[in-house]
PDBML (XML) file of the C-alpha atoms, coordinates in Angstrom:
<?xml version="1.0" encoding="UTF-8" ?>
<PDBx:datablock datablockName="MODEL"
   xmlns:PDBx="http://pdbml.pdb.org/schema/pdbx-v50.xsd"
   xmlns:xsi="http://www.w3.org/2001/XMLSchema-instance"
   xsi:schemaLocation="http://pdbml.pdb.org/schema/pdbx-v50.xsd pdbx-v50.xsd">
   <PDBx:atom_siteCategory>
      <PDBx:atom_site id="1">
         <PDBx:B_iso_or_equiv>0.00</PDBx:B_iso_or_equiv>
         <PDBx:Cartn_x>6.202</PDBx:Cartn_x>
         <PDBx:Cartn_y>200.105</PDBx:Cartn_y>
         <PDBx:Cartn_z>-46.113</PDBx:Cartn_z>
         <PDBx:auth_asym_id>A</PDBx:auth_asym_id>
         <PDBx:auth_atom_id>CA</PDBx:auth_atom_id>
         <PDBx:auth_comp_id>UNK</PDBx:auth_comp_id>
         <PDBx:auth_seq_id>1</PDBx:auth_seq_id>
         <PDBx:group_PDB>ATOM</PDBx:group_PDB>
         <PDBx:label_alt_id xsi:nil="true" />
         <PDBx:label_asym_id>A</PDBx:label_asym_id>
         <PDBx:label_atom_id>CA</PDBx:label_atom_id>
         <PDBx:label_comp_id>UNK</PDBx:label_comp_id>
         <PDBx:label_entity_id>1</PDBx:label_entity_id>
         <PDBx:label_seq_id>1</PDBx:label_seq_id>
         <PDBx:occupancy>1.00</PDBx:occupancy>
         <PDBx:pdbx_PDB_model_num>1</PDBx:pdbx_PDB_model_num>
         <PDBx:type_symbol>C</PDBx:type_symbol>
      </PDBx:atom_site>
      <PDBx:atom_site id="2">
         <PDBx:B_iso_or_equiv>0.00</PDBx:B_iso_or_equiv>
         <PDBx:Cartn_x>7.599</PDBx:Cartn_x>
         <PDBx:Cartn_y>202.527</PDBx:Cartn_y>
         <PDBx:Cartn_z>-44.035</PDBx:Cartn_z>
         <PDBx:auth_asym_id>A</PDBx:auth_asym_id>
         <PDBx:auth_atom_id>CA</PDBx:auth_atom_id>
         <PDBx:auth_comp_id>UNK</PDBx:auth_comp_id>
         <PDBx:auth_seq_id>2</PDBx:auth_seq_id>
         <PDBx:group_PDB>ATOM</PDBx:group_PDB>
         <PDBx:label_alt_id xsi:nil="true" />
         <PDBx:label_asym_id>A</PDBx:label_asym_id>
         <PDBx:label_atom_id>CA</PDBx:label_atom_id>
         <PDBx:label_comp_id>UNK</PDBx:label_comp_id>
         <PDBx:label_entity_id>1</PDBx:label_entity_id>
         <PDBx:label_seq_id>2</PDBx:label_seq_id>
         <PDBx:occupancy>1.00</PDBx:occupancy>
         <PDBx:pdbx_PDB_model_num>1</PDBx:pdbx_PDB_model_num>
         <PDBx:type_symbol>C</PDBx:type_symbol>
      </PDBx:atom_site>
      <PDBx:atom_site id="3">
         <PDBx:B_iso_or_equiv>0.00</PDBx:B_iso_or_equiv>
         <PDBx:Cartn_x>5.265</PDBx:Cartn_x>
         <PDBx:Cartn_y>204.788</PDBx:Cartn_y>
         <PDBx:Cartn_z>-45.405</PDBx:Cartn_z>
         <PDBx:auth_asym_id>A</PDBx:auth_asym_id>
         <PDBx:auth_atom_id>CA</PDBx:auth_atom_id>
         <PDBx:auth_comp_id>UNK</PDBx:auth_comp_id>
         <PDBx:auth_seq_id>3</PDBx:auth_seq_id>
         <PDBx:group_PDB>ATOM</PDBx:group_PDB>
         <PDBx:label_alt_id xsi:nil="true" />
         <PDBx:label_asym_id>A</PDBx:label_asym_id>
         <PDBx:label_atom_id>CA</PDBx:label_atom_id>
         <PDBx:label_comp_id>UNK</PDBx:label_comp_id>
         <PDBx:label_entity_id>1</PDBx:label_entity_id>
         <PDBx:label_seq_id>3</PDBx:label_seq_id>
         <PDBx:occupancy>1.00</PDBx:occupancy>
         <PDBx:pdbx_PDB_model_num>1</PDBx:pdbx_PDB_model_num>
         <PDBx:type_symbol>C</PDBx:type_symbol>
      </PDBx:atom_site>
      <PDBx:atom_site id="4">
         <PDBx:B_iso_or_equiv>0.00</PDBx:B_iso_or_equiv>
         <PDBx:Cartn_x>1.694</PDBx:Cartn_x>
         <PDBx:Cartn_y>202.477</PDBx:Cartn_y>
         <PDBx:Cartn_z>-45.468</PDBx:Cartn_z>
         <PDBx:auth_asym_id>A</PDBx:auth_asym_id>
         <PDBx:auth_atom_id>CA</PDBx:auth_atom_id>
         <PDBx:auth_comp_id>UNK</PDBx:auth_comp_id>
         <PDBx:auth_seq_id>4</PDBx:auth_seq_id>
         <PDBx:group_PDB>ATOM</PDBx:group_PDB>
         <PDBx:label_alt_id xsi:nil="true" />
         <PDBx:label_asym_id>A</PDBx:label_asym_id>
         <PDBx:label_atom_id>CA</PDBx:label_atom_id>
         <PDBx:label_comp_id>UNK</PDBx:label_comp_id>
         <PDBx:label_entity_id>1</PDBx:label_entity_id>
         <PDBx:label_seq_id>4</PDBx:label_seq_id>
         <PDBx:occupancy>1.00</PDBx:occupancy>
         <PDBx:pdbx_PDB_model_num>1</PDBx:pdbx_PDB_model_num>
         <PDBx:type_symbol>C</PDBx:type_symbol>
      </PDBx:atom_site>
      <PDBx:atom_site id="5">
         <PDBx:B_iso_or_equiv>0.00</PDBx:B_iso_or_equiv>
         <PDBx:Cartn_x>1.950</PDBx:Cartn_x>
         <PDBx:Cartn_y>200.211</PDBx:Cartn_y>
         <PDBx:Cartn_z>-42.771</PDBx:Cartn_z>
         <PDBx:auth_asym_id>A</PDBx:auth_asym_id>
         <PDBx:auth_atom_id>CA</PDBx:auth_atom_id>
         <PDBx:auth_comp_id>UNK</PDBx:auth_comp_id>
         <PDBx:auth_seq_id>5</PDBx:auth_seq_id>
         <PDBx:group_PDB>ATOM</PDBx:group_PDB>
         <PDBx:label_alt_id xsi:nil="true" />
         <PDBx:label_asym_id>A</PDBx:label_asym_id>
         <PDBx:label_atom_id>CA</PDBx:label_atom_id>
         <PDBx:label_comp_id>UNK</PDBx:label_comp_id>
         <PDBx:label_entity_id>1</PDBx:label_entity_id>
         <PDBx:label_seq_id>5</PDBx:label_seq_id>
         <PDBx:occupancy>1.00</PDBx:occupancy>
         <PDBx:pdbx_PDB_model_num>1</PDBx:pdbx_PDB_model_num>
         <PDBx:type_symbol>C</PDBx:type_symbol>
      </PDBx:atom_site>
      <PDBx:atom_site id="6">
         <PDBx:B_iso_or_equiv>0.00</PDBx:B_iso_or_equiv>
         <PDBx:Cartn_x>-1.300</PDBx:Cartn_x>
         <PDBx:Cartn_y>200.141</PDBx:Cartn_y>
         <PDBx:Cartn_z>-42.352</PDBx:Cartn_z>
         <PDBx:auth_asym_id>A</PDBx:auth_asym_id>
         <PDBx:auth_atom_id>CA</PDBx:auth_atom_id>
         <PDBx:auth_comp_id>UNK</PDBx:auth_comp_id>
         <PDBx:auth_seq_id>6</PDBx:auth_seq_id>
         <PDBx:group_PDB>ATOM</PDBx:group_PDB>
         <PDBx:label_alt_id xsi:nil="true" />
         <PDBx:label_asym_id>A</PDBx:label_asym_id>
         <PDBx:label_atom_id>CA</PDBx:label_atom_id>
         <PDBx:label_comp_id>UNK</PDBx:label_comp_id>
         <PDBx:label_entity_id>1</PDBx:label_entity_id>
         <PDBx:label_seq_id>6</PDBx:label_seq_id>
         <PDBx:occupancy>1.00</PDBx:occupancy>
         <PDBx:pdbx_PDB_model_num>1</PDBx:pdbx_PDB_model_num>
         <PDBx:type_symbol>C</PDBx:type_symbol>
      </PDBx:atom_site>
      <PDBx:atom_site id="7">
         <PDBx:B_iso_or_equiv>0.00</PDBx:B_iso_or_equiv>
         <PDBx:Cartn_x>-0.727</PDBx:Cartn_x>
         <PDBx:Cartn_y>198.322</PDBx:Cartn_y>
         <PDBx:Cartn_z>-45.826</PDBx:Cartn_z>
         <PDBx:auth_asym_id>A</PDBx:auth_asym_id>
         <PDBx:auth_atom_id>CA</PDBx:auth_atom_id>
         <PDBx:auth_comp_id>UNK</PDBx:auth_comp_id>
         <PDBx:auth_seq_id>7</PDBx:auth_seq_id>
         <PDBx:group_PDB>ATOM</PDBx:group_PDB>
         <PDBx:label_alt_id xsi:nil="true" />
         <PDBx:label_asym_id>A</PDBx:label_asym_id>
         <PDBx:label_atom_id>CA</PDBx:label_atom_id>
         <PDBx:label_comp_id>UNK</PDBx:label_comp_id>
         <PDBx:label_entity_id>1</PDBx:label_entity_id>
         <PDBx:label_seq_id>7</PDBx:label_seq_id>
         <PDBx:occupancy>1.00</PDBx:occupancy>
         <PDBx:pdbx_PDB_model_num>1</PDBx:pdbx_PDB_model_num>
         <PDBx:type_symbol>C</PDBx:type_symbol>
      </PDBx:atom_site>
      <PDBx:atom_site id="8">
         <PDBx:B_iso_or_equiv>0.00</PDBx:B_iso_or_equiv>
         <PDBx:Cartn_x>2.173</PDBx:Cartn_x>
         <PDBx:Cartn_y>196.953</PDBx:Cartn_y>
         <PDBx:Cartn_z>-46.244</PDBx:Cartn_z>
         <PDBx:auth_asym_id>A</PDBx:auth_asym_id>
         <PDBx:auth_atom_id>CA</PDBx:auth_atom_id>
         <PDBx:auth_comp_id>UNK</PDBx:auth_comp_id>
         <PDBx:auth_seq_id>8</PDBx:auth_seq_id>
         <PDBx:group_PDB>ATOM</PDBx:group_PDB>
         <PDBx:label_alt_id xsi:nil="true" />
         <PDBx:label_asym_id>A</PDBx:label_asym_id>
         <PDBx:label_atom_id>CA</PDBx:label_atom_id>
         <PDBx:label_comp_id>UNK</PDBx:label_comp_id>
         <PDBx:label_entity_id>1</PDBx:label_entity_id>
         <PDBx:label_seq_id>8</PDBx:label_seq_id>
         <PDBx:occupancy>1.00</PDBx:occupancy>
         <PDBx:pdbx_PDB_model_num>1</PDBx:pdbx_PDB_model_num>
         <PDBx:type_symbol>C</PDBx:type_symbol>
      </PDBx:atom_site>
      <PDBx:atom_site id="9">
         <PDBx:B_iso_or_equiv>0.00</PDBx:B_iso_or_equiv>
         <PDBx:Cartn_x>2.291</PDBx:Cartn_x>
         <PDBx:Cartn_y>193.943</PDBx:Cartn_y>
         <PDBx:Cartn_z>-44.549</PDBx:Cartn_z>
         <PDBx:auth_asym_id>A</PDBx:auth_asym_id>
         <PDBx:auth_atom_id>CA</PDBx:auth_atom_id>
         <PDBx:auth_comp_id>UNK</PDBx:auth_comp_id>
         <PDBx:auth_seq_id>9</PDBx:auth_seq_id>
         <PDBx:group_PDB>ATOM</PDBx:group_PDB>
         <PDBx:label_alt_id xsi:nil="true" />
         <PDBx:label_asym_id>A</PDBx:label_asym_id>
         <PDBx:label_atom_id>CA</PDBx:label_atom_id>
         <PDBx:label_comp_id>UNK</PDBx:label_comp_id>
         <PDBx:label_entity_id>1</PDBx:label_entity_id>
         <PDBx:label_seq_id>9</PDBx:label_seq_id>
         <PDBx:occupancy>1.00</PDBx:occupancy>
         <PDBx:pdbx_PDB_model_num>1</PDBx:pdbx_PDB_model_num>
         <PDBx:type_symbol>C</PDBx:type_symbol>
      </PDBx:atom_site>
      <PDBx:atom_site id="10">
         <PDBx:B_iso_or_equiv>0.00</PDBx:B_iso_or_equiv>
         <PDBx:Cartn_x>6.221</PDBx:Cartn_x>
         <PDBx:Cartn_y>193.402</PDBx:Cartn_y>
         <PDBx:Cartn_z>-45.559</PDBx:Cartn_z>
         <PDBx:auth_asym_id>A</PDBx:auth_asym_id>
         <PDBx:auth_atom_id>CA</PDBx:auth_atom_id>
         <PDBx:auth_comp_id>UNK</PDBx:auth_comp_id>
         <PDBx:auth_seq_id>10</PDBx:auth_seq_id>
         <PDBx:group_PDB>ATOM</PDBx:group_PDB>
         <PDBx:label_alt_id xsi:nil="true" />
         <PDBx:label_asym_id>A</PDBx:label_asym_id>
         <PDBx:label_atom_id>CA</PDBx:label_atom_id>
         <PDBx:label_comp_id>UNK</PDBx:label_comp_id>
         <PDBx:label_entity_id>1</PDBx:label_entity_id>
         <PDBx:label_seq_id>10</PDBx:label_seq_id>
         <PDBx:occupancy>1.00</PDBx:occupancy>
         <PDBx:pdbx_PDB_model_num>1</PDBx:pdbx_PDB_model_num>
         <PDBx:type_symbol>C</PDBx:type_symbol>
      </PDBx:atom_site>
      <PDBx:atom_site id="11">
         <PDBx:B_iso_or_equiv>0.00</PDBx:B_iso_or_equiv>
         <PDBx:Cartn_x>8.931</PDBx:Cartn_x>
         <PDBx:Cartn_y>194.264</PDBx:Cartn_y>
         <PDBx:Cartn_z>-48.336</PDBx:Cartn_z>
         <PDBx:auth_asym_id>A</PDBx:auth_asym_id>
         <PDBx:auth_atom_id>CA</PDBx:auth_atom_id>
         <PDBx:auth_comp_id>UNK</PDBx:auth_comp_id>
         <PDBx:auth_seq_id>11</PDBx:auth_seq_id>
         <PDBx:group_PDB>ATOM</PDBx:group_PDB>
         <PDBx:label_alt_id xsi:nil="true" />
         <PDBx:label_asym_id>A</PDBx:label_asym_id>
         <PDBx:label_atom_id>CA</PDBx:label_atom_id>
         <PDBx:label_comp_id>UNK</PDBx:label_comp_id>
         <PDBx:label_entity_id>1</PDBx:label_entity_id>
         <PDBx:label_seq_id>11</PDBx:label_seq_id>
         <PDBx:occupancy>1.00</PDBx:occupancy>
         <PDBx:pdbx_PDB_model_num>1</PDBx:pdbx_PDB_model_num>
         <PDBx:type_symbol>C</PDBx:type_symbol>
      </PDBx:atom_site>
      <PDBx:atom_site id="12">
         <PDBx:B_iso_or_equiv>0.00</PDBx:B_iso_or_equiv>
         <PDBx:Cartn_x>11.884</PDBx:Cartn_x>
         <PDBx:Cartn_y>192.866</PDBx:Cartn_y>
         <PDBx:Cartn_z>-50.168</PDBx:Cartn_z>
         <PDBx:auth_asym_id>A</PDBx:auth_asym_id>
         <PDBx:auth_atom_id>CA</PDBx:auth_atom_id>
         <PDBx:auth_comp_id>UNK</PDBx:auth_comp_id>
         <PDBx:auth_seq_id>12</PDBx:auth_seq_id>
         <PDBx:group_PDB>ATOM</PDBx:group_PDB>
         <PDBx:label_alt_id xsi:nil="true" />
         <PDBx:label_asym_id>A</PDBx:label_asym_id>
         <PDBx:label_atom_id>CA</PDBx:label_atom_id>
         <PDBx:label_comp_id>UNK</PDBx:label_comp_id>
         <PDBx:label_entity_id>1</PDBx:label_entity_id>
         <PDBx:label_seq_id>12</PDBx:label_seq_id>
         <PDBx:occupancy>1.00</PDBx:occupancy>
         <PDBx:pdbx_PDB_model_num>1</PDBx:pdbx_PDB_model_num>
         <PDBx:type_symbol>C</PDBx:type_symbol>
      </PDBx:atom_site>
      <PDBx:atom_site id="13">
         <PDBx:B_iso_or_equiv>0.00</PDBx:B_iso_or_equiv>
         <PDBx:Cartn_x>13.981</PDBx:Cartn_x>
         <PDBx:Cartn_y>195.872</PDBx:Cartn_y>
         <PDBx:Cartn_z>-51.540</PDBx:Cartn_z>
         <PDBx:auth_asym_id>A</PDBx:auth_asym_id>
         <PDBx:auth_atom_id>CA</PDBx:auth_atom_id>
         <PDBx:auth_comp_id>UNK</PDBx:auth_comp_id>
         <PDBx:auth_seq_id>13</PDBx:auth_seq_id>
         <PDBx:group_PDB>ATOM</PDBx:group_PDB>
         <PDBx:label_alt_id xsi:nil="true" />
         <PDBx:label_asym_id>A</PDBx:label_asym_id>
         <PDBx:label_atom_id>CA</PDBx:label_atom_id>
         <PDBx:label_comp_id>UNK</PDBx:label_comp_id>
         <PDBx:label_entity_id>1</PDBx:label_entity_id>
         <PDBx:label_seq_id>13</PDBx:label_seq_id>
         <PDBx:occupancy>1.00</PDBx:occupancy>
         <PDBx:pdbx_PDB_model_num>1</PDBx:pdbx_PDB_model_num>
         <PDBx:type_symbol>C</PDBx:type_symbol>
      </PDBx:atom_site>
      <PDBx:atom_site id="14">
         <PDBx:B_iso_or_equiv>0.00</PDBx:B_iso_or_equiv>
         <PDBx:Cartn_x>17.176</PDBx:Cartn_x>
         <PDBx:Cartn_y>195.641</PDBx:Cartn_y>
         <PDBx:Cartn_z>-53.719</PDBx:Cartn_z>
         <PDBx:auth_asym_id>A</PDBx:auth_asym_id>
         <PDBx:auth_atom_id>CA</PDBx:auth_atom_id>
         <PDBx:auth_comp_id>UNK</PDBx:auth_comp_id>
         <PDBx:auth_seq_id>14</PDBx:auth_seq_id>
         <PDBx:group_PDB>ATOM</PDBx:group_PDB>
         <PDBx:label_alt_id xsi:nil="true" />
         <PDBx:label_asym_id>A</PDBx:label_asym_id>
         <PDBx:label_atom_id>CA</PDBx:label_atom_id>
         <PDBx:label_comp_id>UNK</PDBx:label_comp_id>
         <PDBx:label_entity_id>1</PDBx:label_entity_id>
         <PDBx:label_seq_id>14</PDBx:label_seq_id>
         <PDBx:occupancy>1.00</PDBx:occupancy>
         <PDBx:pdbx_PDB_model_num>1</PDBx:pdbx_PDB_model_num>
         <PDBx:type_symbol>C</PDBx:type_symbol>
      </PDBx:atom_site>
      <PDBx:atom_site id="15">
         <PDBx:B_iso_or_equiv>0.00</PDBx:B_iso_or_equiv>
         <PDBx:Cartn_x>19.389</PDBx:Cartn_x>
         <PDBx:Cartn_y>198.011</PDBx:Cartn_y>
         <PDBx:Cartn_z>-55.490</PDBx:Cartn_z>
         <PDBx:auth_asym_id>A</PDBx:auth_asym_id>
         <PDBx:auth_atom_id>CA</PDBx:auth_atom_id>
         <PDBx:auth_comp_id>UNK</PDBx:auth_comp_id>
         <PDBx:auth_seq_id>15</PDBx:auth_seq_id>
         <PDBx:group_PDB>ATOM</PDBx:group_PDB>
         <PDBx:label_alt_id xsi:nil="true" />
         <PDBx:label_asym_id>A</PDBx:label_asym_id>
         <PDBx:label_atom_id>CA</PDBx:label_atom_id>
         <PDBx:label_comp_id>UNK</PDBx:label_comp_id>
         <PDBx:label_entity_id>1</PDBx:label_entity_id>
         <PDBx:label_seq_id>15</PDBx:label_seq_id>
         <PDBx:occupancy>1.00</PDBx:occupancy>
         <PDBx:pdbx_PDB_model_num>1</PDBx:pdbx_PDB_model_num>
         <PDBx:type_symbol>C</PDBx:type_symbol>
      </PDBx:atom_site>
      <PDBx:atom_site id="16">
         <PDBx:B_iso_or_equiv>0.00</PDBx:B_iso_or_equiv>
         <PDBx:Cartn_x>16.977</PDBx:Cartn_x>
         <PDBx:Cartn_y>201.438</PDBx:Cartn_y>
         <PDBx:Cartn_z>-54.255</PDBx:Cartn_z>
         <PDBx:auth_asym_id>A</PDBx:auth_asym_id>
         <PDBx:auth_atom_id>CA</PDBx:auth_atom_id>
         <PDBx:auth_comp_id>UNK</PDBx:auth_comp_id>
         <PDBx:auth_seq_id>16</PDBx:auth_seq_id>
         <PDBx:group_PDB>ATOM</PDBx:group_PDB>
         <PDBx:label_alt_id xsi:nil="true" />
         <PDBx:label_asym_id>A</PDBx:label_asym_id>
         <PDBx:label_atom_id>CA</PDBx:label_atom_id>
         <PDBx:label_comp_id>UNK</PDBx:label_comp_id>
         <PDBx:label_entity_id>1</PDBx:label_entity_id>
         <PDBx:label_seq_id>16</PDBx:label_seq_id>
         <PDBx:occupancy>1.00</PDBx:occupancy>
         <PDBx:pdbx_PDB_model_num>1</PDBx:pdbx_PDB_model_num>
         <PDBx:type_symbol>C</PDBx:type_symbol>
      </PDBx:atom_site>
      <PDBx:atom_site id="17">
         <PDBx:B_iso_or_equiv>0.00</PDBx:B_iso_or_equiv>
         <PDBx:Cartn_x>17.870</PDBx:Cartn_x>
         <PDBx:Cartn_y>205.241</PDBx:Cartn_y>
         <PDBx:Cartn_z>-54.097</PDBx:Cartn_z>
         <PDBx:auth_asym_id>A</PDBx:auth_asym_id>
         <PDBx:auth_atom_id>CA</PDBx:auth_atom_id>
         <PDBx:auth_comp_id>UNK</PDBx:auth_comp_id>
         <PDBx:auth_seq_id>17</PDBx:auth_seq_id>
         <PDBx:group_PDB>ATOM</PDBx:group_PDB>
         <PDBx:label_alt_id xsi:nil="true" />
         <PDBx:label_asym_id>A</PDBx:label_asym_id>
         <PDBx:label_atom_id>CA</PDBx:label_atom_id>
         <PDBx:label_comp_id>UNK</PDBx:label_comp_id>
         <PDBx:label_entity_id>1</PDBx:label_entity_id>
         <PDBx:label_seq_id>17</PDBx:label_seq_id>
         <PDBx:occupancy>1.00</PDBx:occupancy>
         <PDBx:pdbx_PDB_model_num>1</PDBx:pdbx_PDB_model_num>
         <PDBx:type_symbol>C</PDBx:type_symbol>
      </PDBx:atom_site>
      <PDBx:atom_site id="18">
         <PDBx:B_iso_or_equiv>0.00</PDBx:B_iso_or_equiv>
         <PDBx:Cartn_x>17.035</PDBx:Cartn_x>
         <PDBx:Cartn_y>206.360</PDBx:Cartn_y>
         <PDBx:Cartn_z>-50.255</PDBx:Cartn_z>
         <PDBx:auth_asym_id>A</PDBx:auth_asym_id>
         <PDBx:auth_atom_id>CA</PDBx:auth_atom_id>
         <PDBx:auth_comp_id>UNK</PDBx:auth_comp_id>
         <PDBx:auth_seq_id>18</PDBx:auth_seq_id>
         <PDBx:group_PDB>ATOM</PDBx:group_PDB>
         <PDBx:label_alt_id xsi:nil="true" />
         <PDBx:label_asym_id>A</PDBx:label_asym_id>
         <PDBx:label_atom_id>CA</PDBx:label_atom_id>
         <PDBx:label_comp_id>UNK</PDBx:label_comp_id>
         <PDBx:label_entity_id>1</PDBx:label_entity_id>
         <PDBx:label_seq_id>18</PDBx:label_seq_id>
         <PDBx:occupancy>1.00</PDBx:occupancy>
         <PDBx:pdbx_PDB_model_num>1</PDBx:pdbx_PDB_model_num>
         <PDBx:type_symbol>C</PDBx:type_symbol>
      </PDBx:atom_site>
      <PDBx:atom_site id="19">
         <PDBx:B_iso_or_equiv>0.00</PDBx:B_iso_or_equiv>
         <PDBx:Cartn_x>19.303</PDBx:Cartn_x>
         <PDBx:Cartn_y>209.364</PDBx:Cartn_y>
         <PDBx:Cartn_z>-50.637</PDBx:Cartn_z>
         <PDBx:auth_asym_id>A</PDBx:auth_asym_id>
         <PDBx:auth_atom_id>CA</PDBx:auth_atom_id>
         <PDBx:auth_comp_id>UNK</PDBx:auth_comp_id>
         <PDBx:auth_seq_id>19</PDBx:auth_seq_id>
         <PDBx:group_PDB>ATOM</PDBx:group_PDB>
         <PDBx:label_alt_id xsi:nil="true" />
         <PDBx:label_asym_id>A</PDBx:label_asym_id>
         <PDBx:label_atom_id>CA</PDBx:label_atom_id>
         <PDBx:label_comp_id>UNK</PDBx:label_comp_id>
         <PDBx:label_entity_id>1</PDBx:label_entity_id>
         <PDBx:label_seq_id>19</PDBx:label_seq_id>
         <PDBx:occupancy>1.00</PDBx:occupancy>
         <PDBx:pdbx_PDB_model_num>1</PDBx:pdbx_PDB_model_num>
         <PDBx:type_symbol>C</PDBx:type_symbol>
      </PDBx:atom_site>
      <PDBx:atom_site id="20">
         <PDBx:B_iso_or_equiv>0.00</PDBx:B_iso_or_equiv>
         <PDBx:Cartn_x>18.081</PDBx:Cartn_x>
         <PDBx:Cartn_y>211.367</PDBx:Cartn_y>
         <PDBx:Cartn_z>-53.622</PDBx:Cartn_z>
         <PDBx:auth_asym_id>A</PDBx:auth_asym_id>
         <PDBx:auth_atom_id>CA</PDBx:auth_atom_id>
         <PDBx:auth_comp_id>UNK</PDBx:auth_comp_id>
         <PDBx:auth_seq_id>20</PDBx:auth_seq_id>
         <PDBx:group_PDB>ATOM</PDBx:group_PDB>
         <PDBx:label_alt_id xsi:nil="true" />
         <PDBx:label_asym_id>A</PDBx:label_asym_id>
         <PDBx:label_atom_id>CA</PDBx:label_atom_id>
         <PDBx:label_comp_id>UNK</PDBx:label_comp_id>
         <PDBx:label_entity_id>1</PDBx:label_entity_id>
         <PDBx:label_seq_id>20</PDBx:label_seq_id>
         <PDBx:occupancy>1.00</PDBx:occupancy>
         <PDBx:pdbx_PDB_model_num>1</PDBx:pdbx_PDB_model_num>
         <PDBx:type_symbol>C</PDBx:type_symbol>
      </PDBx:atom_site>
      <PDBx:atom_site id="21">
         <PDBx:B_iso_or_equiv>0.00</PDBx:B_iso_or_equiv>
         <PDBx:Cartn_x>22.009</PDBx:Cartn_x>
         <PDBx:Cartn_y>213.302</PDBx:Cartn_y>
         <PDBx:Cartn_z>-53.783</PDBx:Cartn_z>
         <PDBx:auth_asym_id>A</PDBx:auth_asym_id>
         <PDBx:auth_atom_id>CA</PDBx:auth_atom_id>
         <PDBx:auth_comp_id>UNK</PDBx:auth_comp_id>
         <PDBx:auth_seq_id>21</PDBx:auth_seq_id>
         <PDBx:group_PDB>ATOM</PDBx:group_PDB>
         <PDBx:label_alt_id xsi:nil="true" />
         <PDBx:label_asym_id>A</PDBx:label_asym_id>
         <PDBx:label_atom_id>CA</PDBx:label_atom_id>
         <PDBx:label_comp_id>UNK</PDBx:label_comp_id>
         <PDBx:label_entity_id>1</PDBx:label_entity_id>
         <PDBx:label_seq_id>21</PDBx:label_seq_id>
         <PDBx:occupancy>1.00</PDBx:occupancy>
         <PDBx:pdbx_PDB_model_num>1</PDBx:pdbx_PDB_model_num>
         <PDBx:type_symbol>C</PDBx:type_symbol>
      </PDBx:atom_site>
      <PDBx:atom_site id="22">
         <PDBx:B_iso_or_equiv>0.00</PDBx:B_iso_or_equiv>
         <PDBx:Cartn_x>23.489</PDBx:Cartn_x>
         <PDBx:Cartn_y>210.693</PDBx:Cartn_y>
         <PDBx:Cartn_z>-54.177</PDBx:Cartn_z>
         <PDBx:auth_asym_id>A</PDBx:auth_asym_id>
         <PDBx:auth_atom_id>CA</PDBx:auth_atom_id>
         <PDBx:auth_comp_id>UNK</PDBx:auth_comp_id>
         <PDBx:auth_seq_id>22</PDBx:auth_seq_id>
         <PDBx:group_PDB>ATOM</PDBx:group_PDB>
         <PDBx:label_alt_id xsi:nil="true" />
         <PDBx:label_asym_id>A</PDBx:label_asym_id>
         <PDBx:label_atom_id>CA</PDBx:label_atom_id>
         <PDBx:label_comp_id>UNK</PDBx:label_comp_id>
         <PDBx:label_entity_id>1</PDBx:label_entity_id>
         <PDBx:label_seq_id>22</PDBx:label_seq_id>
         <PDBx:occupancy>1.00</PDBx:occupancy>
         <PDBx:pdbx_PDB_model_num>1</PDBx:pdbx_PDB_model_num>
         <PDBx:type_symbol>C</PDBx:type_symbol>
      </PDBx:atom_site>
      <PDBx:atom_site id="23">
         <PDBx:B_iso_or_equiv>0.00</PDBx:B_iso_or_equiv>
         <PDBx:Cartn_x>22.227</PDBx:Cartn_x>
         <PDBx:Cartn_y>209.789</PDBx:Cartn_y>
         <PDBx:Cartn_z>-57.459</PDBx:Cartn_z>
         <PDBx:auth_asym_id>A</PDBx:auth_asym_id>
         <PDBx:auth_atom_id>CA</PDBx:auth_atom_id>
         <PDBx:auth_comp_id>UNK</PDBx:auth_comp_id>
         <PDBx:auth_seq_id>23</PDBx:auth_seq_id>
         <PDBx:group_PDB>ATOM</PDBx:group_PDB>
         <PDBx:label_alt_id xsi:nil="true" />
         <PDBx:label_asym_id>A</PDBx:label_asym_id>
         <PDBx:label_atom_id>CA</PDBx:label_atom_id>
         <PDBx:label_comp_id>UNK</PDBx:label_comp_id>
         <PDBx:label_entity_id>1</PDBx:label_entity_id>
         <PDBx:label_seq_id>23</PDBx:label_seq_id>
         <PDBx:occupancy>1.00</PDBx:occupancy>
         <PDBx:pdbx_PDB_model_num>1</PDBx:pdbx_PDB_model_num>
         <PDBx:type_symbol>C</PDBx:type_symbol>
      </PDBx:atom_site>
      <PDBx:atom_site id="24">
         <PDBx:B_iso_or_equiv>0.00</PDBx:B_iso_or_equiv>
         <PDBx:Cartn_x>23.179</PDBx:Cartn_x>
         <PDBx:Cartn_y>210.820</PDBx:Cartn_y>
         <PDBx:Cartn_z>-61.037</PDBx:Cartn_z>
         <PDBx:auth_asym_id>A</PDBx:auth_asym_id>
         <PDBx:auth_atom_id>CA</PDBx:auth_atom_id>
         <PDBx:auth_comp_id>UNK</PDBx:auth_comp_id>
         <PDBx:auth_seq_id>24</PDBx:auth_seq_id>
         <PDBx:group_PDB>ATOM</PDBx:group_PDB>
         <PDBx:label_alt_id xsi:nil="true" />
         <PDBx:label_asym_id>A</PDBx:label_asym_id>
         <PDBx:label_atom_id>CA</PDBx:label_atom_id>
         <PDBx:label_comp_id>UNK</PDBx:label_comp_id>
         <PDBx:label_entity_id>1</PDBx:label_entity_id>
         <PDBx:label_seq_id>24</PDBx:label_seq_id>
         <PDBx:occupancy>1.00</PDBx:occupancy>
         <PDBx:pdbx_PDB_model_num>1</PDBx:pdbx_PDB_model_num>
         <PDBx:type_symbol>C</PDBx:type_symbol>
      </PDBx:atom_site>
   </PDBx:atom_siteCategory>
</PDBx:datablock>
């Protein structure tokens, strides 16, 4: 939804990694 709003008109997103430095 952030990068391709021309294709996707809505998003429901749970427990996603947004900053890859935060994962193991």
